[in-house]
Structures are given as structure tokens and as C-alpha cells.
Amino acid sequence: MTQDEVFTNIVETNQIMVSLLARLVWTPERLTEIVAANKRNPDAYIHAYNECDGEKTGTQLAAIAGVTQQSMSAALQGWFDDGVVLNVGTTKNPRYKKMMALPQKRKAKTKPEAQAELAIPEPQETNVTSGQ
């Protein structure tokens, strides 16, 4: 195992441990309430929270949520103050990491898409010749 592989393994293990510890403090439903509190479009903020991977900037997260950079900055600061994200960047260039993934609403399929999945394919004709 190379040194990079060992380091990657340690980082992944630490991420799992943080997520498990977070579940001891908050249920996913309670964490969702904290993240979405007082938001006009709570689903957008939940999506942005789930994208907090420690790599994206506040501007990138704002674009994901479809909100202004100022709104996202205020949300991130509030989440940080509440302890539901960690700043893994610097004070001047913060990068936030979520505690655990939150459940998101799934987009409903349109009727034609749903019907297409349920459609039973027509049997295809086969041309079988006898070996005589």
C-alpha cells in the first residue's frame, strides 16, 4: 500500500466516523430541520448541504441552490455556528463539509416516463428453422 493510499484510507475512515458520531447527536430529520429552517426553498438548501464536500466554495454552493452568494454565505455561517458543518478550509477561503447526507425528495416522474417503465414489451417473432 502506498503512502497516498494509506492517507486516502484514513480520510475515508474519518469521514465515516464523523457521520456515525453525528447520527448520535442528530437524527437525519432533526438535521434537516436545522438546515432548512426559515428558508423559502428548503429543498434547495438541503441539496446544497448535501454538496458540502469540503471542496466547493460558497459561490458554487449558491449556484447549486439557486440562491445569491450572500444568502448562501449566511446559511453556511448559521450551519457552522450550529455545528452541522465543519470549515475544512481557511478563515479567508472557507470550505464546508457536511456531517452526514440528508434525505432529499425524489423528483416525481412524468406520466409518460412512468408508463414507459410499466409497459410490457411486445413479444418478438422468432424465425426458427427445423434442422431437417
N, C-alpha and C. Protein backbone atom coordinates (compact mmCIF):
# COMPACT_ATOMS: atom_id res chain seq x y z
N MET A 1 0.84 -1.17 0.00
CA MET A 1 0.00 0.00 0.00
C MET A 1 0.89 1.24 0.00
N THR A 2 0.61 2.17 -0.91
CA THR A 2 1.42 3.39 -0.98
C THR A 2 1.00 4.35 0.12
N GLN A 3 1.81 5.36 0.32
CA GLN A 3 1.51 6.37 1.33
C GLN A 3 0.22 7.12 0.97
N ASP A 4 0.01 7.40 -0.30
CA ASP A 4 -1.23 8.08 -0.73
C ASP A 4 -2.45 7.22 -0.47
N GLU A 5 -2.34 5.92 -0.70
CA GLU A 5 -3.46 5.01 -0.44
C GLU A 5 -3.78 4.93 1.05
N VAL A 6 -2.74 4.93 1.87
CA VAL A 6 -2.94 4.90 3.32
C VAL A 6 -3.63 6.19 3.76
N PHE A 7 -3.17 7.31 3.25
CA PHE A 7 -3.77 8.61 3.60
C PHE A 7 -5.24 8.66 3.17
N THR A 8 -5.53 8.20 1.95
CA THR A 8 -6.90 8.17 1.46
C THR A 8 -7.78 7.29 2.34
N ASN A 9 -7.26 6.16 2.74
CA ASN A 9 -7.98 5.23 3.60
C ASN A 9 -8.29 5.88 4.96
N ILE A 10 -7.33 6.60 5.52
CA ILE A 10 -7.53 7.28 6.80
C ILE A 10 -8.60 8.36 6.67
N VAL A 11 -8.55 9.14 5.59
CA VAL A 11 -9.54 10.20 5.38
C VAL A 11 -10.94 9.60 5.26
N GLU A 12 -11.08 8.53 4.48
CA GLU A 12 -12.39 7.89 4.32
C GLU A 12 -12.91 7.33 5.64
N THR A 13 -12.03 6.73 6.41
CA THR A 13 -12.42 6.19 7.72
C THR A 13 -12.87 7.31 8.65
N ASN A 14 -12.14 8.42 8.65
CA ASN A 14 -12.53 9.56 9.48
C ASN A 14 -13.88 10.12 9.06
N GLN A 15 -14.15 10.18 7.77
CA GLN A 15 -15.44 10.68 7.29
C GLN A 15 -16.58 9.79 7.76
N ILE A 16 -16.37 8.50 7.74
CA ILE A 16 -17.38 7.55 8.22
C ILE A 16 -17.60 7.76 9.72
N MET A 17 -16.53 7.92 10.46
CA MET A 17 -16.66 8.11 11.91
C MET A 17 -17.41 9.40 12.24
N VAL A 18 -17.11 10.48 11.53
CA VAL A 18 -17.82 11.75 11.76
C VAL A 18 -19.30 11.58 11.48
N SER A 19 -19.64 10.92 10.40
CA SER A 19 -21.04 10.69 10.05
C SER A 19 -21.75 9.87 11.13
N LEU A 20 -21.10 8.82 11.60
CA LEU A 20 -21.70 7.99 12.64
C LEU A 20 -21.86 8.75 13.95
N LEU A 21 -20.87 9.54 14.31
CA LEU A 21 -20.99 10.35 15.53
C LEU A 21 -22.09 11.39 15.40
N ALA A 22 -22.23 11.98 14.22
CA ALA A 22 -23.29 12.96 14.00
C ALA A 22 -24.65 12.34 14.20
N ARG A 23 -24.80 11.09 13.79
CA ARG A 23 -26.08 10.40 13.96
C ARG A 23 -26.41 10.14 15.44
N LEU A 24 -25.40 10.13 16.29
CA LEU A 24 -25.66 10.02 17.72
C LEU A 24 -26.23 11.33 18.28
N VAL A 25 -25.89 12.44 17.64
CA VAL A 25 -26.34 13.75 18.11
C VAL A 25 -27.66 14.16 17.45
N TRP A 26 -27.75 13.98 16.13
CA TRP A 26 -28.94 14.40 15.38
C TRP A 26 -29.49 13.23 14.58
N THR A 27 -30.80 13.16 14.52
CA THR A 27 -31.41 12.26 13.54
C THR A 27 -31.37 12.98 12.21
N PRO A 28 -31.44 12.27 11.09
CA PRO A 28 -31.47 12.96 9.80
C PRO A 28 -32.63 13.96 9.71
N GLU A 29 -33.76 13.62 10.34
CA GLU A 29 -34.92 14.53 10.29
C GLU A 29 -34.64 15.82 11.07
N ARG A 30 -33.99 15.70 12.22
CA ARG A 30 -33.67 16.90 13.01
C ARG A 30 -32.63 17.75 12.30
N LEU A 31 -31.65 17.12 11.71
CA LEU A 31 -30.63 17.86 10.98
C LEU A 31 -31.26 18.56 9.77
N THR A 32 -32.21 17.91 9.12
CA THR A 32 -32.92 18.52 8.00
C THR A 32 -33.67 19.77 8.47
N GLU A 33 -34.29 19.69 9.64
CA GLU A 33 -34.99 20.86 10.20
C GLU A 33 -34.02 22.02 10.42
N ILE A 34 -32.85 21.72 10.93
CA ILE A 34 -31.85 22.78 11.19
C ILE A 34 -31.41 23.40 9.87
N VAL A 35 -31.10 22.58 8.90
CA VAL A 35 -30.59 23.07 7.61
C VAL A 35 -31.65 23.88 6.87
N ALA A 36 -32.90 23.45 6.93
CA ALA A 36 -33.97 24.08 6.15
C ALA A 36 -34.73 25.16 6.91
N ALA A 37 -34.36 25.43 8.15
CA ALA A 37 -35.09 26.39 8.98
C ALA A 37 -35.16 27.76 8.33
N ASN A 38 -36.37 28.29 8.25
CA ASN A 38 -36.63 29.65 7.76
C ASN A 38 -36.14 29.89 6.33
N LYS A 39 -36.17 28.87 5.50
CA LYS A 39 -35.75 29.02 4.11
C LYS A 39 -36.96 29.00 3.19
N ARG A 40 -36.95 29.86 2.19
CA ARG A 40 -38.07 29.91 1.23
C ARG A 40 -38.14 28.64 0.39
N ASN A 41 -36.97 28.12 0.02
CA ASN A 41 -36.91 26.89 -0.77
C ASN A 41 -36.05 25.89 -0.01
N PRO A 42 -36.63 25.23 1.00
CA PRO A 42 -35.81 24.35 1.84
C PRO A 42 -35.13 23.23 1.07
N ASP A 43 -35.79 22.69 0.03
CA ASP A 43 -35.18 21.59 -0.73
C ASP A 43 -33.87 22.03 -1.39
N ALA A 44 -33.80 23.28 -1.83
CA ALA A 44 -32.58 23.78 -2.46
C ALA A 44 -31.44 23.84 -1.46
N TYR A 45 -31.75 24.24 -0.23
CA TYR A 45 -30.71 24.30 0.79
C TYR A 45 -30.29 22.91 1.24
N ILE A 46 -31.22 21.98 1.29
CA ILE A 46 -30.86 20.59 1.62
C ILE A 46 -29.93 20.04 0.55
N HIS A 47 -30.24 20.33 -0.71
CA HIS A 47 -29.38 19.88 -1.80
C HIS A 47 -27.99 20.50 -1.67
N ALA A 48 -27.94 21.80 -1.38
CA ALA A 48 -26.64 22.46 -1.21
C ALA A 48 -25.89 21.88 -0.02
N TYR A 49 -26.59 21.59 1.08
CA TYR A 49 -25.94 20.99 2.25
C TYR A 49 -25.30 19.66 1.88
N ASN A 50 -26.04 18.86 1.11
CA ASN A 50 -25.51 17.56 0.70
C ASN A 50 -24.30 17.69 -0.21
N GLU A 51 -24.14 18.83 -0.83
CA GLU A 51 -22.99 19.07 -1.70
C GLU A 51 -21.79 19.64 -0.94
N CYS A 52 -21.94 19.88 0.35
CA CYS A 52 -20.83 20.39 1.16
C CYS A 52 -19.82 19.26 1.36
N ASP A 53 -18.87 19.19 0.45
CA ASP A 53 -17.89 18.10 0.46
C ASP A 53 -16.50 18.56 0.87
N GLY A 54 -16.39 19.83 1.28
CA GLY A 54 -15.09 20.35 1.68
C GLY A 54 -14.27 20.88 0.51
N GLU A 55 -14.82 20.77 -0.69
CA GLU A 55 -14.12 21.23 -1.90
C GLU A 55 -14.78 22.46 -2.51
N LYS A 56 -16.10 22.53 -2.45
CA LYS A 56 -16.85 23.59 -3.12
C LYS A 56 -16.81 24.89 -2.32
N THR A 57 -16.82 25.99 -3.06
CA THR A 57 -16.85 27.31 -2.44
C THR A 57 -18.30 27.69 -2.15
N GLY A 58 -18.47 28.74 -1.37
CA GLY A 58 -19.82 29.25 -1.10
C GLY A 58 -20.51 29.69 -2.37
N THR A 59 -19.77 30.24 -3.30
CA THR A 59 -20.34 30.66 -4.58
C THR A 59 -20.85 29.46 -5.37
N GLN A 60 -20.09 28.38 -5.37
CA GLN A 60 -20.52 27.17 -6.07
C GLN A 60 -21.77 26.57 -5.41
N LEU A 61 -21.80 26.57 -4.07
CA LEU A 61 -22.97 26.06 -3.36
C LEU A 61 -24.20 26.93 -3.61
N ALA A 62 -24.00 28.25 -3.71
CA ALA A 62 -25.10 29.16 -4.01
C ALA A 62 -25.68 28.84 -5.39
N ALA A 63 -24.81 28.58 -6.35
CA ALA A 63 -25.27 28.24 -7.69
C ALA A 63 -26.06 26.92 -7.67
N ILE A 64 -25.61 25.97 -6.89
CA ILE A 64 -26.31 24.68 -6.78
C ILE A 64 -27.71 24.89 -6.21
N ALA A 65 -27.81 25.76 -5.19
CA ALA A 65 -29.10 26.01 -4.54
C ALA A 65 -29.96 27.00 -5.32
N GLY A 66 -29.34 27.73 -6.24
CA GLY A 66 -30.09 28.74 -6.99
C GLY A 66 -30.42 29.96 -6.15
N VAL A 67 -29.51 30.32 -5.25
CA VAL A 67 -29.70 31.49 -4.39
C VAL A 67 -28.49 32.41 -4.55
N THR A 68 -28.59 33.60 -3.97
CA THR A 68 -27.47 34.53 -4.04
C THR A 68 -26.33 34.05 -3.17
N GLN A 69 -25.15 34.55 -3.48
CA GLN A 69 -23.97 34.19 -2.70
C GLN A 69 -24.13 34.68 -1.27
N GLN A 70 -24.76 35.84 -1.08
CA GLN A 70 -24.96 36.38 0.26
C GLN A 70 -25.89 35.48 1.08
N SER A 71 -26.96 34.98 0.46
CA SER A 71 -27.89 34.09 1.16
C SER A 71 -27.19 32.79 1.56
N MET A 72 -26.39 32.25 0.65
CA MET A 72 -25.68 31.01 0.96
C MET A 72 -24.63 31.24 2.03
N SER A 73 -23.96 32.37 1.99
CA SER A 73 -22.95 32.69 3.00
C SER A 73 -23.60 32.76 4.38
N ALA A 74 -24.77 33.38 4.46
CA ALA A 74 -25.47 33.48 5.74
C ALA A 74 -25.90 32.08 6.22
N ALA A 75 -26.38 31.25 5.31
CA ALA A 75 -26.80 29.89 5.68
C ALA A 75 -25.59 29.09 6.15
N LEU A 76 -24.48 29.16 5.42
CA LEU A 76 -23.28 28.42 5.81
C LEU A 76 -22.77 28.86 7.18
N GLN A 77 -22.78 30.17 7.42
CA GLN A 77 -22.33 30.67 8.72
C GLN A 77 -23.25 30.18 9.83
N GLY A 78 -24.56 30.18 9.57
CA GLY A 78 -25.51 29.67 10.55
C GLY A 78 -25.31 28.18 10.81
N TRP A 79 -25.10 27.42 9.75
CA TRP A 79 -24.85 25.98 9.90
C TRP A 79 -23.56 25.74 10.69
N PHE A 80 -22.55 26.55 10.40
CA PHE A 80 -21.28 26.43 11.12
C PHE A 80 -21.49 26.73 12.60
N ASP A 81 -22.21 27.82 12.89
CA ASP A 81 -22.49 28.19 14.28
C ASP A 81 -23.29 27.11 15.00
N ASP A 82 -24.19 26.45 14.27
CA ASP A 82 -24.99 25.36 14.85
C ASP A 82 -24.22 24.05 14.94
N GLY A 83 -23.04 24.00 14.34
CA GLY A 83 -22.21 22.80 14.41
C GLY A 83 -22.60 21.70 13.46
N VAL A 84 -23.33 22.04 12.38
CA VAL A 84 -23.76 21.00 11.45
C VAL A 84 -22.89 20.93 10.19
N VAL A 85 -21.92 21.85 10.08
CA VAL A 85 -20.88 21.76 9.05
C VAL A 85 -19.55 22.10 9.71
N LEU A 86 -18.49 21.62 9.12
CA LEU A 86 -17.14 21.94 9.56
C LEU A 86 -16.46 22.78 8.49
N ASN A 87 -15.66 23.75 8.89
CA ASN A 87 -14.85 24.50 7.93
C ASN A 87 -13.52 23.78 7.80
N VAL A 88 -13.32 23.13 6.66
CA VAL A 88 -12.07 22.42 6.42
C VAL A 88 -11.11 23.24 5.57
N GLY A 89 -11.52 24.50 5.32
CA GLY A 89 -10.67 25.42 4.57
C GLY A 89 -9.97 26.36 5.54
N THR A 90 -9.86 27.61 5.12
CA THR A 90 -9.23 28.63 5.96
C THR A 90 -10.27 29.69 6.30
N THR A 91 -9.88 30.62 7.15
CA THR A 91 -10.80 31.71 7.50
C THR A 91 -11.11 32.56 6.27
N LYS A 92 -10.09 32.82 5.46
CA LYS A 92 -10.29 33.64 4.26
C LYS A 92 -10.91 32.87 3.10
N ASN A 93 -10.71 31.57 3.07
CA ASN A 93 -11.24 30.74 1.98
C ASN A 93 -11.91 29.50 2.59
N PRO A 94 -13.07 29.71 3.21
CA PRO A 94 -13.72 28.58 3.89
C PRO A 94 -14.26 27.55 2.89
N ARG A 95 -14.16 26.32 3.27
CA ARG A 95 -14.73 25.19 2.53
C ARG A 95 -15.44 24.34 3.58
N TYR A 96 -16.71 24.10 3.35
CA TYR A 96 -17.51 23.44 4.37
C TYR A 96 -17.77 21.98 4.05
N LYS A 97 -17.80 21.18 5.10
CA LYS A 97 -18.04 19.75 4.98
C LYS A 97 -19.24 19.39 5.85
N LYS A 98 -20.18 18.66 5.24
CA LYS A 98 -21.39 18.24 5.96
C LYS A 98 -21.06 17.15 6.96
N MET A 99 -21.95 16.97 7.92
CA MET A 99 -21.80 15.91 8.91
C MET A 99 -22.27 14.57 8.37
N MET A 100 -23.39 14.60 7.64
CA MET A 100 -23.94 13.39 7.05
C MET A 100 -24.86 13.81 5.91
N ALA A 101 -25.11 12.91 5.01
CA ALA A 101 -26.02 13.19 3.91
C ALA A 101 -27.45 13.22 4.43
N LEU A 102 -28.22 14.17 3.93
CA LEU A 102 -29.62 14.29 4.31
C LEU A 102 -30.51 13.69 3.23
N PRO A 103 -31.63 13.11 3.64
CA PRO A 103 -32.56 12.58 2.62
C PRO A 103 -33.15 13.74 1.82
N GLN A 104 -33.27 13.52 0.52
CA GLN A 104 -33.85 14.53 -0.36
C GLN A 104 -35.10 13.96 -1.00
N LYS A 105 -36.02 14.87 -1.33
CA LYS A 105 -37.21 14.44 -2.05
C LYS A 105 -36.79 14.03 -3.45
N ARG A 106 -37.37 12.95 -3.89
CA ARG A 106 -37.08 12.49 -5.25
C ARG A 106 -38.03 13.17 -6.20
N LYS A 107 -37.52 13.50 -7.35
CA LYS A 107 -38.36 14.12 -8.36
C LYS A 107 -39.35 13.09 -8.89
N ALA A 108 -40.60 13.50 -8.97
CA ALA A 108 -41.63 12.60 -9.50
C ALA A 108 -41.46 12.49 -11.00
N LYS A 109 -41.66 11.29 -11.51
CA LYS A 109 -41.56 11.09 -12.95
C LYS A 109 -42.84 11.55 -13.61
N THR A 110 -42.71 12.01 -14.82
CA THR A 110 -43.90 12.41 -15.56
C THR A 110 -44.68 11.17 -15.96
N LYS A 111 -45.95 11.35 -16.28
CA LYS A 111 -46.79 10.20 -16.62
C LYS A 111 -46.21 9.38 -17.77
N PRO A 112 -45.77 10.00 -18.88
CA PRO A 112 -45.20 9.18 -19.96
C PRO A 112 -43.99 8.36 -19.52
N GLU A 113 -43.11 8.95 -18.65
CA GLU A 113 -41.94 8.20 -18.17
C GLU A 113 -42.37 7.02 -17.32
N ALA A 114 -43.34 7.24 -16.44
CA ALA A 114 -43.81 6.17 -15.56
C ALA A 114 -44.49 5.07 -16.37
N GLN A 115 -45.29 5.47 -17.37
CA GLN A 115 -45.97 4.47 -18.19
C GLN A 115 -44.97 3.68 -19.03
N ALA A 116 -43.92 4.34 -19.49
CA ALA A 116 -42.91 3.65 -20.30
C ALA A 116 -42.22 2.57 -19.47
N GLU A 117 -41.99 2.85 -18.18
CA GLU A 117 -41.35 1.85 -17.32
C GLU A 117 -42.27 0.66 -17.07
N LEU A 118 -43.58 0.92 -17.05
CA LEU A 118 -44.53 -0.14 -16.76
C LEU A 118 -44.95 -0.92 -18.00
N ALA A 119 -44.64 -0.39 -19.15
CA ALA A 119 -45.08 -1.04 -20.39
C ALA A 119 -44.41 -2.41 -20.54
N ILE A 120 -45.22 -3.35 -20.94
CA ILE A 120 -44.72 -4.71 -21.18
C ILE A 120 -44.31 -4.79 -22.64
N PRO A 121 -43.08 -5.18 -22.91
CA PRO A 121 -42.63 -5.22 -24.30
C PRO A 121 -43.41 -6.29 -25.08
N GLU A 122 -43.67 -5.96 -26.32
CA GLU A 122 -44.36 -6.90 -27.22
C GLU A 122 -43.45 -8.07 -27.51
N PRO A 123 -44.00 -9.29 -27.56
CA PRO A 123 -43.15 -10.44 -27.90
C PRO A 123 -42.65 -10.30 -29.33
N GLN A 124 -41.42 -10.65 -29.53
CA GLN A 124 -40.84 -10.56 -30.86
C GLN A 124 -40.97 -11.92 -31.55
N GLU A 125 -41.22 -11.86 -32.84
CA GLU A 125 -41.33 -13.08 -33.61
C GLU A 125 -39.94 -13.67 -33.80
N THR A 126 -39.89 -14.96 -33.71
CA THR A 126 -38.62 -15.62 -33.96
C THR A 126 -38.80 -16.52 -35.17
N ASN A 127 -37.78 -16.63 -35.92
CA ASN A 127 -37.82 -17.44 -37.13
C ASN A 127 -36.97 -18.67 -36.84
N VAL A 128 -37.66 -19.75 -36.48
CA VAL A 128 -36.96 -20.99 -36.15
C VAL A 128 -37.08 -21.93 -37.32
N THR A 129 -35.96 -22.41 -37.75
CA THR A 129 -35.97 -23.38 -38.86
C THR A 129 -35.66 -24.74 -38.29
N SER A 130 -36.27 -25.72 -38.89
CA SER A 130 -36.01 -27.08 -38.40
C SER A 130 -34.72 -27.58 -39.03
N GLY A 131 -34.09 -28.46 -38.37
CA GLY A 131 -32.82 -29.00 -38.83
C GLY A 131 -33.00 -30.16 -39.79
N GLN A 132 -34.16 -30.29 -40.48
CA GLN A 132 -34.38 -31.42 -41.38
C GLN A 132 -33.90 -31.14 -42.75
